[in-house]
Amino acid sequence: MPNTVKARLIKLQGITIFVLFFGVSALEAFQTRNRIRAASWLAIGAVFLIADNLRKTP
């Protein structure tokens, strides 16, 4: 498997984990009407997403 395909699969796995973990946590916070917790989950998720995109892939 070429390196570019492996890099794309790894990136896709990271995005999937991001959506599952932070999405479910944020959704739970919104459902319980805890706006501060929801905002903090979204902020933490945004920081991790930005950091992941800034990281250089080999």
N, C-alpha and C. Protein backbone atom coordinates (compact mmCIF):
# COMPACT_ATOMS: atom_id res chain seq x y z
N MET A 1 0.85 -1.17 0.00
CA MET A 1 0.00 0.00 0.00
C MET A 1 0.90 1.24 0.00
N PRO A 2 0.68 2.16 -0.92
CA PRO A 2 1.52 3.37 -0.97
C PRO A 2 1.39 4.20 0.31
N ASN A 3 2.44 4.98 0.58
CA ASN A 3 2.46 5.79 1.80
C ASN A 3 1.34 6.81 1.83
N THR A 4 0.95 7.36 0.68
CA THR A 4 -0.11 8.37 0.68
C THR A 4 -1.45 7.77 1.07
N VAL A 5 -1.68 6.52 0.68
CA VAL A 5 -2.93 5.85 1.05
C VAL A 5 -2.93 5.58 2.55
N LYS A 6 -1.81 5.15 3.10
CA LYS A 6 -1.72 4.90 4.54
C LYS A 6 -1.93 6.19 5.32
N ALA A 7 -1.35 7.28 4.85
CA ALA A 7 -1.50 8.56 5.54
C ALA A 7 -2.96 9.01 5.52
N ARG A 8 -3.64 8.79 4.41
CA ARG A 8 -5.05 9.17 4.33
C ARG A 8 -5.91 8.31 5.25
N LEU A 9 -5.61 7.02 5.34
CA LEU A 9 -6.36 6.14 6.23
C LEU A 9 -6.16 6.53 7.69
N ILE A 10 -4.92 6.86 8.05
CA ILE A 10 -4.64 7.28 9.42
C ILE A 10 -5.38 8.58 9.73
N LYS A 11 -5.39 9.52 8.79
CA LYS A 11 -6.08 10.79 8.99
C LYS A 11 -7.59 10.54 9.12
N LEU A 12 -8.13 9.64 8.32
CA LEU A 12 -9.56 9.31 8.39
C LEU A 12 -9.90 8.69 9.74
N GLN A 13 -9.03 7.85 10.26
CA GLN A 13 -9.26 7.25 11.57
C GLN A 13 -9.25 8.32 12.66
N GLY A 14 -8.34 9.28 12.56
CA GLY A 14 -8.28 10.37 13.53
C GLY A 14 -9.53 11.21 13.51
N ILE A 15 -10.04 11.51 12.33
CA ILE A 15 -11.26 12.30 12.21
C ILE A 15 -12.45 11.52 12.76
N THR A 16 -12.48 10.23 12.53
CA THR A 16 -13.58 9.39 13.04
C THR A 16 -13.58 9.39 14.57
N ILE A 17 -12.43 9.21 15.16
CA ILE A 17 -12.33 9.24 16.62
C ILE A 17 -12.73 10.60 17.15
N PHE A 18 -12.29 11.66 16.47
CA PHE A 18 -12.63 13.02 16.88
C PHE A 18 -14.14 13.22 16.87
N VAL A 19 -14.80 12.83 15.79
CA VAL A 19 -16.24 13.01 15.67
C VAL A 19 -16.98 12.19 16.72
N LEU A 20 -16.57 10.96 16.92
CA LEU A 20 -17.24 10.12 17.90
C LEU A 20 -17.08 10.65 19.32
N PHE A 21 -15.88 10.92 19.73
CA PHE A 21 -15.63 11.32 21.11
C PHE A 21 -16.16 12.72 21.40
N PHE A 22 -15.71 13.70 20.65
CA PHE A 22 -16.12 15.07 20.93
C PHE A 22 -17.56 15.33 20.51
N GLY A 23 -18.00 14.70 19.46
CA GLY A 23 -19.39 14.89 19.03
C GLY A 23 -20.38 14.34 20.03
N VAL A 24 -20.12 13.15 20.53
CA VAL A 24 -21.02 12.55 21.51
C VAL A 24 -20.98 13.35 22.82
N SER A 25 -19.80 13.77 23.23
CA SER A 25 -19.69 14.56 24.46
C SER A 25 -20.41 15.89 24.33
N ALA A 26 -20.24 16.56 23.21
CA ALA A 26 -20.92 17.84 23.00
C ALA A 26 -22.43 17.64 22.90
N LEU A 27 -22.85 16.61 22.23
CA LEU A 27 -24.28 16.33 22.10
C LEU A 27 -24.91 16.06 23.46
N GLU A 28 -24.23 15.30 24.29
CA GLU A 28 -24.73 15.03 25.64
C GLU A 28 -24.83 16.31 26.46
N ALA A 29 -23.85 17.19 26.31
CA ALA A 29 -23.86 18.45 27.04
C ALA A 29 -25.02 19.34 26.57
N PHE A 30 -25.29 19.35 25.27
CA PHE A 30 -26.41 20.14 24.77
C PHE A 30 -27.74 19.56 25.23
N GLN A 31 -27.85 18.26 25.27
CA GLN A 31 -29.11 17.63 25.68
C GLN A 31 -29.42 17.88 27.15
N THR A 32 -28.39 17.99 27.97
CA THR A 32 -28.61 18.27 29.39
C THR A 32 -28.67 19.77 29.65
N ARG A 33 -28.62 20.55 28.59
CA ARG A 33 -28.69 22.02 28.66
C ARG A 33 -27.57 22.62 29.49
N ASN A 34 -26.42 21.99 29.45
CA ASN A 34 -25.24 22.50 30.13
C ASN A 34 -24.39 23.21 29.09
N ARG A 35 -24.67 24.48 28.89
CA ARG A 35 -24.03 25.26 27.82
C ARG A 35 -22.53 25.45 28.04
N ILE A 36 -22.13 25.59 29.29
CA ILE A 36 -20.70 25.79 29.57
C ILE A 36 -19.91 24.53 29.22
N ARG A 37 -20.44 23.38 29.59
CA ARG A 37 -19.76 22.12 29.26
C ARG A 37 -19.74 21.91 27.74
N ALA A 38 -20.83 22.22 27.08
CA ALA A 38 -20.89 22.07 25.62
C ALA A 38 -19.87 22.98 24.95
N ALA A 39 -19.80 24.23 25.40
CA ALA A 39 -18.83 25.16 24.82
C ALA A 39 -17.40 24.70 25.08
N SER A 40 -17.14 24.16 26.25
CA SER A 40 -15.78 23.69 26.54
C SER A 40 -15.42 22.48 25.69
N TRP A 41 -16.36 21.56 25.47
CA TRP A 41 -16.09 20.41 24.61
C TRP A 41 -15.83 20.85 23.17
N LEU A 42 -16.62 21.81 22.70
CA LEU A 42 -16.40 22.29 21.33
C LEU A 42 -15.06 23.02 21.21
N ALA A 43 -14.69 23.78 22.23
CA ALA A 43 -13.40 24.48 22.20
C ALA A 43 -12.24 23.49 22.23
N ILE A 44 -12.32 22.50 23.11
CA ILE A 44 -11.27 21.49 23.18
C ILE A 44 -11.17 20.73 21.86
N GLY A 45 -12.31 20.38 21.29
CA GLY A 45 -12.32 19.68 20.01
C GLY A 45 -11.70 20.51 18.91
N ALA A 46 -12.00 21.81 18.89
CA ALA A 46 -11.44 22.69 17.87
C ALA A 46 -9.92 22.79 18.01
N VAL A 47 -9.44 22.86 19.23
CA VAL A 47 -7.99 22.93 19.45
C VAL A 47 -7.31 21.66 18.95
N PHE A 48 -7.88 20.51 19.27
CA PHE A 48 -7.30 19.26 18.80
C PHE A 48 -7.36 19.14 17.28
N LEU A 49 -8.45 19.59 16.68
CA LEU A 49 -8.57 19.52 15.23
C LEU A 49 -7.56 20.43 14.55
N ILE A 50 -7.38 21.62 15.07
CA ILE A 50 -6.39 22.54 14.51
C ILE A 50 -5.00 21.99 14.69
N ALA A 51 -4.70 21.47 15.87
CA ALA A 51 -3.37 20.91 16.13
C ALA A 51 -3.09 19.73 15.21
N ASP A 52 -4.09 18.91 14.95
CA ASP A 52 -3.91 17.76 14.07
C ASP A 52 -3.65 18.22 12.63
N ASN A 53 -4.30 19.27 12.20
CA ASN A 53 -4.10 19.77 10.84
C ASN A 53 -2.76 20.49 10.69
N LEU A 54 -2.23 21.06 11.75
CA LEU A 54 -0.94 21.75 11.68
C LEU A 54 0.23 20.78 11.71
N ARG A 55 -0.01 19.59 12.25
CA ARG A 55 1.05 18.59 12.33
C ARG A 55 1.43 18.13 10.93
N LYS A 56 2.70 18.01 10.69
CA LYS A 56 3.17 17.59 9.38
C LYS A 56 3.14 16.07 9.29
N THR A 57 2.60 15.57 8.20
CA THR A 57 2.59 14.13 7.97
C THR A 57 3.80 13.75 7.13
N PRO A 58 4.44 12.64 7.47
CA PRO A 58 5.65 12.22 6.71
C PRO A 58 5.33 11.79 5.30
